[in-house]
N, C-alpha and C. Protein backbone atom coordinates (compact mmCIF):
# COMPACT_ATOMS: atom_id res chain seq x y z
N MET A 1 -51.83 -115.95 99.40
CA MET A 1 -51.15 -117.22 99.52
C MET A 1 -49.66 -117.03 99.73
N THR A 2 -49.10 -116.02 99.08
CA THR A 2 -47.66 -115.80 99.24
C THR A 2 -47.34 -115.27 100.64
N ALA A 3 -48.31 -114.62 101.27
CA ALA A 3 -48.07 -114.14 102.63
C ALA A 3 -47.92 -115.32 103.59
N LEU A 4 -48.67 -116.39 103.38
CA LEU A 4 -48.55 -117.57 104.23
C LEU A 4 -47.19 -118.22 104.09
N LEU A 5 -46.62 -118.17 102.91
CA LEU A 5 -45.29 -118.74 102.70
C LEU A 5 -44.23 -117.97 103.47
N PHE A 6 -44.52 -116.74 103.80
CA PHE A 6 -43.61 -115.93 104.61
C PHE A 6 -43.94 -116.04 106.09
N LEU A 7 -45.21 -116.01 106.45
CA LEU A 7 -45.61 -115.94 107.85
C LEU A 7 -45.46 -117.27 108.59
N ILE A 8 -45.66 -118.39 107.94
CA ILE A 8 -45.55 -119.68 108.62
C ILE A 8 -44.11 -119.94 109.10
N PRO A 9 -43.09 -119.76 108.25
CA PRO A 9 -41.72 -119.95 108.77
C PRO A 9 -41.34 -118.92 109.84
N VAL A 10 -41.83 -117.72 109.74
CA VAL A 10 -41.55 -116.71 110.76
C VAL A 10 -42.17 -117.13 112.09
N ALA A 11 -43.40 -117.60 112.09
CA ALA A 11 -44.07 -118.04 113.30
C ALA A 11 -43.35 -119.25 113.91
N LEU A 12 -42.94 -120.19 113.08
CA LEU A 12 -42.21 -121.35 113.58
C LEU A 12 -40.86 -120.94 114.16
N GLY A 13 -40.19 -120.01 113.52
CA GLY A 13 -38.91 -119.52 114.04
C GLY A 13 -39.07 -118.82 115.38
N MET A 14 -40.11 -118.03 115.52
CA MET A 14 -40.35 -117.36 116.80
C MET A 14 -40.68 -118.37 117.89
N GLY A 15 -41.40 -119.42 117.54
CA GLY A 15 -41.70 -120.47 118.50
C GLY A 15 -40.44 -121.19 118.96
N VAL A 16 -39.54 -121.46 118.04
CA VAL A 16 -38.27 -122.12 118.38
C VAL A 16 -37.43 -121.22 119.26
N ILE A 17 -37.39 -119.93 118.96
CA ILE A 17 -36.63 -118.98 119.78
C ILE A 17 -37.21 -118.93 121.20
N GLY A 18 -38.54 -118.93 121.32
CA GLY A 18 -39.17 -118.94 122.64
C GLY A 18 -38.86 -120.20 123.41
N LEU A 19 -38.86 -121.34 122.73
CA LEU A 19 -38.55 -122.61 123.38
C LEU A 19 -37.10 -122.64 123.85
N VAL A 20 -36.19 -122.15 123.04
CA VAL A 20 -34.78 -122.10 123.42
C VAL A 20 -34.59 -121.17 124.61
N ALA A 21 -35.26 -120.03 124.63
CA ALA A 21 -35.15 -119.10 125.75
C ALA A 21 -35.69 -119.73 127.03
N PHE A 22 -36.80 -120.46 126.94
CA PHE A 22 -37.35 -121.13 128.11
C PHE A 22 -36.41 -122.20 128.63
N LEU A 23 -35.85 -123.00 127.74
CA LEU A 23 -34.92 -124.05 128.16
C LEU A 23 -33.65 -123.45 128.78
N TRP A 24 -33.18 -122.34 128.23
CA TRP A 24 -32.02 -121.67 128.81
C TRP A 24 -32.34 -121.18 130.23
N ALA A 25 -33.49 -120.58 130.42
CA ALA A 25 -33.88 -120.11 131.74
C ALA A 25 -34.04 -121.27 132.71
N LEU A 26 -34.56 -122.37 132.24
CA LEU A 26 -34.74 -123.56 133.09
C LEU A 26 -33.39 -124.11 133.54
N ARG A 27 -32.43 -124.17 132.63
CA ARG A 27 -31.11 -124.72 132.97
C ARG A 27 -30.27 -123.77 133.80
N SER A 28 -30.51 -122.46 133.68
CA SER A 28 -29.69 -121.51 134.42
C SER A 28 -30.21 -121.26 135.83
N GLY A 29 -31.31 -121.93 136.22
CA GLY A 29 -31.77 -121.85 137.59
C GLY A 29 -32.74 -120.71 137.87
N GLN A 30 -33.44 -120.24 136.89
CA GLN A 30 -34.38 -119.15 137.09
C GLN A 30 -35.61 -119.58 137.89
N PHE A 31 -35.92 -120.86 137.89
CA PHE A 31 -37.13 -121.36 138.53
C PHE A 31 -36.82 -122.26 139.71
N ASP A 32 -35.68 -122.05 140.37
CA ASP A 32 -35.28 -122.94 141.46
C ASP A 32 -36.12 -122.78 142.71
N ASP A 33 -36.47 -121.57 143.09
CA ASP A 33 -37.16 -121.34 144.36
C ASP A 33 -38.33 -120.38 144.18
N PRO A 34 -39.39 -120.78 143.49
CA PRO A 34 -40.51 -119.86 143.30
C PRO A 34 -41.28 -119.59 144.59
N GLN A 35 -41.33 -120.54 145.51
CA GLN A 35 -42.07 -120.34 146.75
C GLN A 35 -41.36 -119.34 147.64
N GLY A 36 -40.04 -119.39 147.69
CA GLY A 36 -39.28 -118.45 148.51
C GLY A 36 -39.45 -117.02 148.04
N ALA A 37 -39.49 -116.82 146.73
CA ALA A 37 -39.69 -115.48 146.20
C ALA A 37 -41.10 -114.96 146.51
N ALA A 38 -42.06 -115.86 146.54
CA ALA A 38 -43.43 -115.45 146.85
C ALA A 38 -43.56 -115.04 148.31
N GLU A 39 -42.83 -115.70 149.19
CA GLU A 39 -42.91 -115.38 150.61
C GLU A 39 -41.99 -114.21 150.99
N ARG A 40 -40.96 -113.97 150.23
CA ARG A 40 -40.01 -112.92 150.54
C ARG A 40 -40.66 -111.53 150.50
N ILE A 41 -41.65 -111.36 149.66
CA ILE A 41 -42.30 -110.06 149.54
C ILE A 41 -43.13 -109.74 150.78
N LEU A 42 -43.50 -110.75 151.56
CA LEU A 42 -44.34 -110.53 152.73
C LEU A 42 -43.54 -110.07 153.95
N HIS A 43 -42.24 -110.30 153.96
CA HIS A 43 -41.41 -109.96 155.10
C HIS A 43 -40.93 -108.52 155.01
N ASP A 44 -41.03 -107.80 156.11
CA ASP A 44 -40.61 -106.42 156.15
C ASP A 44 -39.13 -106.36 156.56
N GLU A 45 -38.29 -105.89 155.66
CA GLU A 45 -36.86 -105.83 155.93
C GLU A 45 -36.38 -104.41 156.22
N ASP A 46 -37.30 -103.46 156.29
CA ASP A 46 -36.92 -102.08 156.57
C ASP A 46 -36.54 -101.95 158.04
N LYS A 47 -35.46 -101.26 158.29
CA LYS A 47 -35.03 -101.03 159.66
C LYS A 47 -35.53 -99.65 160.12
N PRO A 48 -36.08 -99.57 161.30
CA PRO A 48 -36.55 -98.25 161.77
C PRO A 48 -35.37 -97.30 162.03
N LEU A 49 -35.61 -96.03 161.88
CA LEU A 49 -34.55 -95.02 162.09
C LEU A 49 -34.22 -94.82 163.53
């Protein structure tokens, strides 16, 4: 029972940290152009010698 008194606040704290990290990434523009990044890998940008 005493382990639950320790683990529940730890789990809630980790959840809050994850939510804050997601919101920070959302506001800093990490997810602005997901389609462009998916198509960028298909284009060959290597120049022949």
